Each structure stands twice: as structure tokens, then as C-alpha cells.
Amino acid sequence: MTSTTPTSVSVAESAGTPQAPEVVGLLAAGRLLGIGRTTAYRLAKTGAFPCRVLRIGGRYAVPVRALRALLDPPDELVDHTSPDSASRPAGQEG
């Protein structure tokens, strides 16, 4: 039996506006963070995944906002004075 309830993606598509998903799968989130499949599932199961993980039925989903917060720290937390930062002018390779 198919559901007749529209999803947020189908509603956005019908309006002609593409919309990014609100959640991604655990494996996709793990790949973004450089975590392998087995480790990602183990961390999610123990509650130690680096960001929020939702358990929906038998599946894991990771909110995109949580990933963005983890991967894009606020500017005040980023050290722009470190020697590894890209402070050299363009054209001058190290």
C-alpha cells in the first residue's frame, strides 16, 4: 500500500523549487566525516557518533544541520593565525 501523504521533497518539487534533504543516511554522514561503515554503525549504536543521529524504525538518519554545525564551526572558534592557514598570496606556493 502506498502512502498518499506528500513528502517535503515532493511538495518542493511540485512548486518547482529544489530543496536539500533535512536528513542524510548514516553512511553518507560517515563518508563526509571520514568514518567507515562499520565504525559509523558502531558509533551510532553506542551513542558516540560525532553529531546527532536519529533512529527511525530500523534505520539511522543524521540531520543535515547537525553535520553543518560540526563541519562549519563559527568563525570565533577558527584560528586564522595558525601557520597551516592559507595566508600566502595566490601564486606563491610553499
Protein backbone atom coordinates (compact mmCIF):
# COMPACT_ATOMS: atom_id res chain seq x y z
CA MET A 1 0.00 0.00 0.00
CA THR A 2 1.42 3.37 -0.96
CA SER A 3 1.13 6.49 1.12
CA THR A 4 -0.73 9.45 -0.33
CA THR A 5 0.85 11.87 2.12
CA PRO A 6 3.22 14.18 0.23
CA THR A 7 6.79 14.35 1.46
CA SER A 8 8.69 17.61 1.84
CA VAL A 9 10.72 16.78 -1.27
CA SER A 10 7.68 16.07 -3.45
CA VAL A 11 5.99 19.27 -2.25
CA ALA A 12 9.12 21.27 -3.10
CA GLU A 13 9.39 19.61 -6.49
CA SER A 14 5.77 20.37 -7.29
CA ALA A 15 6.43 24.03 -6.51
CA GLY A 16 9.37 23.97 -8.91
CA THR A 17 11.89 24.71 -6.15
CA PRO A 18 14.61 22.15 -5.46
CA GLN A 19 15.14 21.60 -1.75
CA ALA A 20 18.01 19.92 0.08
CA PRO A 21 17.09 17.00 2.31
CA GLU A 22 16.71 17.57 6.04
CA VAL A 23 18.45 14.28 6.88
CA VAL A 24 21.02 12.03 5.22
CA GLY A 25 21.80 8.39 5.79
CA LEU A 26 24.36 7.27 8.33
CA LEU A 27 26.76 6.03 5.65
CA ALA A 28 26.67 9.36 3.77
CA ALA A 29 27.30 11.25 7.01
CA GLY A 30 30.12 8.87 7.86
CA ARG A 31 31.76 9.40 4.46
CA LEU A 32 31.63 13.18 4.97
CA LEU A 33 33.38 12.75 8.30
CA GLY A 34 35.89 10.17 7.06
CA ILE A 35 34.32 7.35 9.09
CA GLY A 36 33.95 3.87 7.65
CA ARG A 37 30.73 1.87 7.52
CA THR A 38 31.39 -0.45 10.46
CA THR A 39 32.69 2.33 12.69
CA ALA A 40 29.76 4.61 11.81
CA TYR A 41 27.22 1.94 12.80
CA ARG A 42 29.13 1.09 15.97
CA LEU A 43 29.33 4.76 17.00
CA ALA A 44 25.64 5.32 16.24
CA LYS A 45 24.62 2.23 18.21
CA THR A 46 26.64 3.30 21.27
CA GLY A 47 25.59 6.96 21.03
CA ALA A 48 29.14 8.11 20.29
CA PHE A 49 28.66 9.37 16.71
CA PRO A 50 30.17 12.89 16.47
CA CYS A 51 26.77 14.51 15.90
CA ARG A 52 23.09 13.79 16.49
CA VAL A 53 21.75 10.55 15.00
CA LEU A 54 18.05 9.73 14.68
CA ARG A 55 16.78 6.18 14.83
CA ILE A 56 13.78 5.87 12.52
CA GLY A 57 12.44 2.34 12.58
CA GLY A 58 15.42 0.16 11.74
CA ARG A 59 17.37 2.93 10.02
CA TYR A 60 19.69 5.69 11.15
CA ALA A 61 19.39 9.24 9.84
CA VAL A 62 21.64 12.23 10.52
CA PRO A 63 20.20 15.76 10.42
CA VAL A 64 22.00 17.93 7.86
CA ARG A 65 22.01 20.84 10.35
CA ALA A 66 23.99 18.74 12.83
CA LEU A 67 26.56 17.89 10.15
CA ARG A 68 26.87 21.52 9.09
CA ALA A 69 27.34 22.62 12.69
CA LEU A 70 30.08 20.04 13.11
CA LEU A 71 31.85 20.76 9.82
CA ASP A 72 31.44 24.57 9.78
CA PRO A 73 32.49 25.87 13.19
CA PRO A 74 31.74 29.53 13.99
CA ASP A 75 34.45 32.00 12.94
CA GLU A 76 35.38 32.81 16.52
CA LEU A 77 36.43 29.18 17.02
CA VAL A 78 38.63 29.07 13.91
CA ASP A 79 42.30 30.04 14.42
CA HIS A 80 43.17 32.18 11.40
CA THR A 81 46.71 32.83 12.71
CA SER A 82 47.96 29.24 12.53
CA PRO A 83 50.84 28.55 10.15
CA ASP A 84 48.71 26.00 8.30
CA SER A 85 46.14 28.59 7.25
CA ALA A 86 46.17 29.81 3.68
CA SER A 87 47.66 33.22 4.44
CA ARG A 88 50.06 33.26 1.49
CA PRO A 89 49.12 35.34 -1.54
CA ALA A 90 47.88 33.43 -4.56
CA GLY A 91 50.69 32.33 -6.83
CA GLN A 92 53.16 31.72 -4.01
CA GLU A 93 53.26 28.02 -3.39
CA GLY A 94 55.15 26.61 -0.41
